[in-house]
Amino acid sequence: MSIPKTHPRYVSLNIRDKIVDGVKKGITSIDGLIAHGRGEAFDYLLGEKTTNVAKKSIDSAAALLLLAKNPIISINGNSAALVSKELVQLSKTIPAKLEVNIFHSSKKRELKIKNHLIKNGAKEVLLPQNNCKIKYLDSNRKYVNKNGIYKADVVFVPLEDGDRTEVLIKNKKKVIVVDLNPLSRSAKKATIAIVDNIVRAIPLLIETIKNLKRYNLSKKQLEVIVKHHDNKRRLKESIKEINRNLV
């Protein structure tokens, strides 16, 4: 679909088009369309911009990823359709491994997501293994790669469903999520929740990590940035931002 740049919903419609294209390519599930629509509604409420609160959370997330010994980026269908190139760039910037993890079981779709990421610059993409799973979870997301999510200390899970966020925390991992809904279980249970649209958050996260590296901050300085993050407080601030926009 060709969308004229003069259209007032140009950016939003382009994002929708990427999700629809993801479904056509077999990368995104039909259910992903529903999830995207729900997120888009919250983006309207946030003013379709990255708030100052989100920028602070991005700072904290960047510091935590740089402190991690075994960071991993978990990829689902929607994130692969929307920001595959950016996620590959993020993995190289940290550096961190990429691992496919989807809710609706499909080996065929997992492989398509992997190939899509490789097409967009990834050198290695891990897939879930049937003989490796995390504890306390019954859905397909319990299957992970032994060299990826299983041994990771920090898991970056953009566009996450809340049950796995909670379980990853139970498995002694720190979890960073990108979620437009500050009321979701994902946002509430995460170590760091970035309340923003993934298409805006990932490029900012990459740039922030580059800046922290450029400044050559010590481990102690990075730890101070992470310690300053209060997830509950920042979620409340995001809700206040929504309230201001509603008024």
Protein backbone atom coordinates (compact mmCIF):
# COMPACT_ATOMS: atom_id res chain seq x y z
CA MET A 1 0.00 0.00 0.00
CA SER A 2 1.34 3.43 -0.98
CA ILE A 3 0.58 6.03 1.68
CA PRO A 4 1.05 9.72 0.76
CA LYS A 5 3.39 11.55 3.13
CA THR A 6 0.80 14.31 3.42
CA HIS A 7 -1.61 11.93 5.16
CA PRO A 8 -2.06 13.00 8.82
CA ARG A 9 -1.70 9.35 9.92
CA TYR A 10 1.29 8.65 7.65
CA VAL A 11 3.60 7.23 10.34
CA SER A 12 0.89 5.21 12.07
CA LEU A 13 -0.41 3.75 8.80
CA ASN A 14 3.10 2.78 7.73
CA ILE A 15 3.57 0.91 11.00
CA ARG A 16 0.26 -0.90 10.48
CA ASP A 17 1.34 -1.78 6.95
CA LYS A 18 4.56 -3.37 8.28
CA ILE A 19 2.54 -5.59 10.64
CA VAL A 20 0.17 -6.63 7.84
CA ASP A 21 3.17 -7.36 5.61
CA GLY A 22 4.63 -9.43 8.46
CA VAL A 23 1.49 -11.58 8.47
CA LYS A 24 1.70 -12.04 4.69
CA LYS A 25 5.35 -13.12 5.00
CA GLY A 26 4.50 -15.59 7.77
CA ILE A 27 6.55 -13.69 10.35
CA THR A 28 3.71 -12.25 12.43
CA SER A 29 0.66 -14.16 13.65
CA ILE A 30 -2.90 -12.96 13.00
CA ASP A 31 -3.19 -12.44 16.76
CA GLY A 32 -0.31 -9.96 16.47
CA LEU A 33 -2.61 -7.59 14.60
CA ILE A 34 -4.90 -7.40 17.62
CA ALA A 35 -1.97 -6.82 19.97
CA HIS A 36 -0.68 -4.02 17.76
CA GLY A 37 -4.07 -2.29 17.68
CA ARG A 38 -4.23 -2.32 21.46
CA GLY A 39 -0.77 -0.77 21.68
CA GLU A 40 -1.59 1.87 19.07
CA ALA A 41 -4.53 3.03 21.19
CA PHE A 42 -2.17 3.69 24.11
CA ASP A 43 0.22 5.51 21.79
CA TYR A 44 -2.61 7.97 21.00
CA LEU A 45 -3.00 8.54 24.75
CA LEU A 46 0.74 9.18 25.12
CA GLY A 47 0.61 11.78 22.37
CA GLU A 48 2.55 9.56 19.91
CA LYS A 49 5.86 10.81 21.24
CA THR A 50 8.65 9.57 23.48
CA THR A 51 8.02 11.12 26.88
CA ASN A 52 10.72 12.35 29.26
CA VAL A 53 9.81 9.44 31.54
CA ALA A 54 10.45 6.97 28.71
CA LYS A 55 13.81 8.62 27.98
CA LYS A 56 14.84 8.13 31.62
CA SER A 57 13.84 4.46 31.41
CA ILE A 58 15.84 4.10 28.19
CA ASP A 59 18.89 5.49 30.03
CA SER A 60 18.43 2.88 32.77
CA ALA A 61 17.88 0.08 30.26
CA ALA A 62 21.04 1.03 28.34
CA ALA A 63 23.11 0.94 31.52
CA LEU A 64 21.65 -2.42 32.58
CA LEU A 65 22.36 -3.97 29.17
CA LEU A 66 25.98 -2.79 29.33
CA LEU A 67 26.37 -4.25 32.84
CA ALA A 68 24.97 -7.64 31.79
CA LYS A 69 27.31 -10.62 31.48
CA ASN A 70 24.97 -12.55 29.18
CA PRO A 71 22.39 -10.20 27.66
CA ILE A 72 19.86 -11.59 25.19
CA ILE A 73 17.29 -9.95 22.92
CA SER A 74 14.09 -11.97 22.62
CA ILE A 75 12.30 -11.55 19.28
CA ASN A 76 8.64 -12.23 18.49
CA GLY A 77 6.69 -11.79 15.27
CA ASN A 78 5.61 -8.18 15.78
CA SER A 79 9.05 -6.92 16.76
CA ALA A 80 10.61 -8.73 13.78
CA ALA A 81 8.11 -7.13 11.41
CA LEU A 82 8.49 -3.61 12.84
CA VAL A 83 12.15 -3.16 13.80
CA SER A 84 14.21 -6.09 12.55
CA LYS A 85 17.11 -3.94 11.28
CA GLU A 86 17.12 -1.89 14.47
CA LEU A 87 17.12 -4.97 16.71
CA VAL A 88 20.04 -6.43 14.76
CA GLN A 89 21.88 -3.13 15.17
CA LEU A 90 21.05 -3.14 18.90
CA SER A 91 22.47 -6.65 19.26
CA LYS A 92 25.73 -5.54 17.66
CA THR A 93 25.92 -2.33 19.71
CA ILE A 94 25.56 -3.96 23.16
CA PRO A 95 26.66 -6.70 22.05
CA ALA A 96 23.94 -9.28 22.77
CA LYS A 97 22.61 -12.44 21.17
CA LEU A 98 19.26 -12.64 19.36
CA GLU A 99 16.76 -15.41 20.14
CA VAL A 100 13.37 -16.10 18.58
CA ASN A 101 10.60 -16.74 21.10
CA ILE A 102 6.90 -16.77 20.12
CA PHE A 103 3.66 -17.51 21.96
CA HIS A 104 1.85 -19.44 19.23
CA SER A 105 3.86 -22.59 18.54
CA SER A 106 5.19 -22.78 14.97
CA LYS A 107 8.62 -24.10 13.99
CA LYS A 108 7.97 -22.82 10.49
CA ARG A 109 7.33 -19.27 11.72
CA GLU A 110 10.36 -19.38 14.07
CA LEU A 111 12.55 -20.24 11.09
CA LYS A 112 10.99 -17.48 8.97
CA ILE A 113 11.70 -14.93 11.72
CA LYS A 114 15.28 -16.18 11.96
CA ASN A 115 15.80 -15.89 8.19
CA HIS A 116 14.20 -12.43 8.19
CA LEU A 117 16.66 -11.24 10.86
CA ILE A 118 19.61 -12.72 8.95
CA LYS A 119 18.35 -10.98 5.82
CA ASN A 120 18.48 -7.75 7.83
CA GLY A 121 22.08 -8.17 8.94
CA ALA A 122 22.11 -10.69 11.80
CA LYS A 123 24.98 -13.20 11.77
CA GLU A 124 23.52 -15.58 14.35
CA VAL A 125 19.94 -16.09 15.55
CA LEU A 126 19.15 -18.65 18.23
CA LEU A 127 15.99 -20.78 18.14
CA PRO A 128 14.14 -22.50 21.04
CA GLN A 129 15.13 -26.09 21.82
CA ASN A 130 12.60 -28.78 22.79
CA ASN A 131 14.96 -30.16 25.44
CA CYS A 132 15.56 -26.80 27.13
CA LYS A 133 12.92 -24.86 29.04
CA ILE A 134 12.57 -22.32 31.83
CA LYS A 135 10.68 -23.14 35.00
CA TYR A 136 7.19 -21.99 36.06
CA LEU A 137 5.76 -21.51 32.53
CA ASP A 138 3.34 -23.74 30.60
CA SER A 139 2.98 -21.94 27.26
CA ASN A 140 5.19 -22.42 24.19
CA ARG A 141 7.38 -19.56 25.45
CA LYS A 142 8.88 -21.91 28.05
CA TYR A 143 11.12 -23.45 25.36
CA VAL A 144 14.37 -21.53 25.07
CA ASN A 145 17.91 -21.93 23.81
CA LYS A 146 20.49 -23.17 26.31
CA ASN A 147 23.03 -20.64 25.02
CA GLY A 148 20.54 -17.78 25.01
CA ILE A 149 17.61 -17.00 27.32
CA TYR A 150 18.33 -20.03 29.52
CA LYS A 151 21.69 -18.71 30.73
CA ALA A 152 21.02 -14.97 30.27
CA ASP A 153 21.17 -12.62 33.24
CA VAL A 154 19.38 -9.77 31.42
CA VAL A 155 16.61 -10.39 28.89
CA PHE A 156 15.36 -7.61 26.63
CA VAL A 157 11.83 -8.52 25.57
CA PRO A 158 10.18 -5.87 23.37
CA LEU A 159 6.43 -6.33 22.90
CA GLU A 160 6.17 -8.91 25.65
CA ASP A 161 3.29 -10.82 27.21
CA GLY A 162 3.20 -10.46 30.97
CA ASP A 163 3.20 -14.08 32.07
CA ARG A 164 6.70 -14.68 30.73
CA THR A 165 8.04 -11.41 32.13
CA GLU A 166 6.93 -12.53 35.59
CA VAL A 167 8.39 -16.01 35.08
CA LEU A 168 11.75 -14.71 33.82
CA ILE A 169 12.00 -12.67 37.01
CA LYS A 170 11.24 -15.85 39.00
CA ASN A 171 14.08 -17.50 37.09
CA LYS A 172 16.45 -14.90 38.58
CA LYS A 173 16.76 -12.79 35.45
CA LYS A 174 16.42 -9.05 35.03
CA VAL A 175 13.90 -8.09 32.36
CA ILE A 176 13.58 -4.98 30.20
CA VAL A 177 10.34 -4.54 28.28
CA VAL A 178 8.98 -2.02 25.78
CA ASP A 179 5.25 -1.65 26.37
CA LEU A 180 2.90 1.20 25.43
CA ASN A 181 0.50 0.17 28.20
CA PRO A 182 1.75 1.25 31.65
CA LEU A 183 -1.03 -0.81 33.24
CA SER A 184 0.00 -4.14 31.68
CA ARG A 185 1.45 -7.04 33.63
CA SER A 186 4.59 -6.83 31.49
CA ALA A 187 5.21 -3.22 32.51
CA LYS A 188 4.40 -3.85 36.16
CA LYS A 189 6.49 -7.01 36.56
CA ALA A 190 9.54 -5.90 34.56
CA THR A 191 12.80 -4.74 36.09
CA ILE A 192 12.68 -1.79 33.67
CA ALA A 193 9.64 -0.91 31.57
CA ILE A 194 10.02 1.54 28.70
CA VAL A 195 6.56 2.98 28.05
CA ASP A 196 6.97 3.92 24.40
CA ASN A 197 6.43 2.76 20.84
CA ILE A 198 9.07 0.23 19.84
CA VAL A 199 9.77 2.06 16.57
CA ARG A 200 10.86 5.12 18.58
CA ALA A 201 12.39 3.37 21.59
CA ILE A 202 14.88 1.05 19.87
CA PRO A 203 16.74 3.76 17.88
CA LEU A 204 16.96 5.87 21.06
CA LEU A 205 18.23 2.89 23.05
CA ILE A 206 20.94 2.25 20.45
CA GLU A 207 22.03 5.89 20.53
CA THR A 208 22.04 5.95 24.35
CA ILE A 209 24.22 2.83 24.54
CA LYS A 210 26.64 4.37 22.05
CA ASN A 211 26.82 7.55 24.15
CA LEU A 212 27.46 5.61 27.38
CA LYS A 213 30.26 3.72 25.64
CA ARG A 214 31.65 6.97 24.25
CA TYR A 215 31.80 8.46 27.74
CA ASN A 216 33.51 5.24 28.92
CA LEU A 217 31.50 5.11 32.15
CA SER A 218 32.76 2.79 34.88
CA LYS A 219 30.79 -0.17 36.20
CA LYS A 220 30.00 1.82 39.34
CA GLN A 221 28.65 4.76 37.32
CA LEU A 222 26.43 2.44 35.28
CA GLU A 223 25.17 0.81 38.47
CA VAL A 224 24.17 4.24 39.81
CA ILE A 225 22.06 4.86 36.69
CA VAL A 226 20.30 1.51 37.10
CA LYS A 227 19.80 2.01 40.85
CA HIS A 228 18.11 5.35 40.17
CA HIS A 229 15.35 3.54 38.26
CA ASP A 230 12.13 3.06 40.24
CA ASN A 231 9.81 1.13 37.93
CA LYS A 232 6.61 1.75 39.90
CA ARG A 233 7.29 5.46 40.10
CA ARG A 234 8.00 5.75 36.40
CA LEU A 235 4.85 3.83 35.50
CA LYS A 236 2.86 6.24 37.66
CA GLU A 237 4.51 9.15 35.85
CA SER A 238 3.52 7.62 32.51
CA ILE A 239 -0.08 7.35 33.67
CA LYS A 240 0.04 11.01 34.72
CA GLU A 241 1.26 11.87 31.22
CA ILE A 242 -1.76 10.07 29.76
CA ASN A 243 -4.07 11.93 32.14
CA ARG A 244 -2.60 15.27 31.08
CA ASN A 245 -3.19 14.41 27.42
CA LEU A 246 -6.76 13.37 28.16
CA VAL A 247 -7.46 16.69 29.89
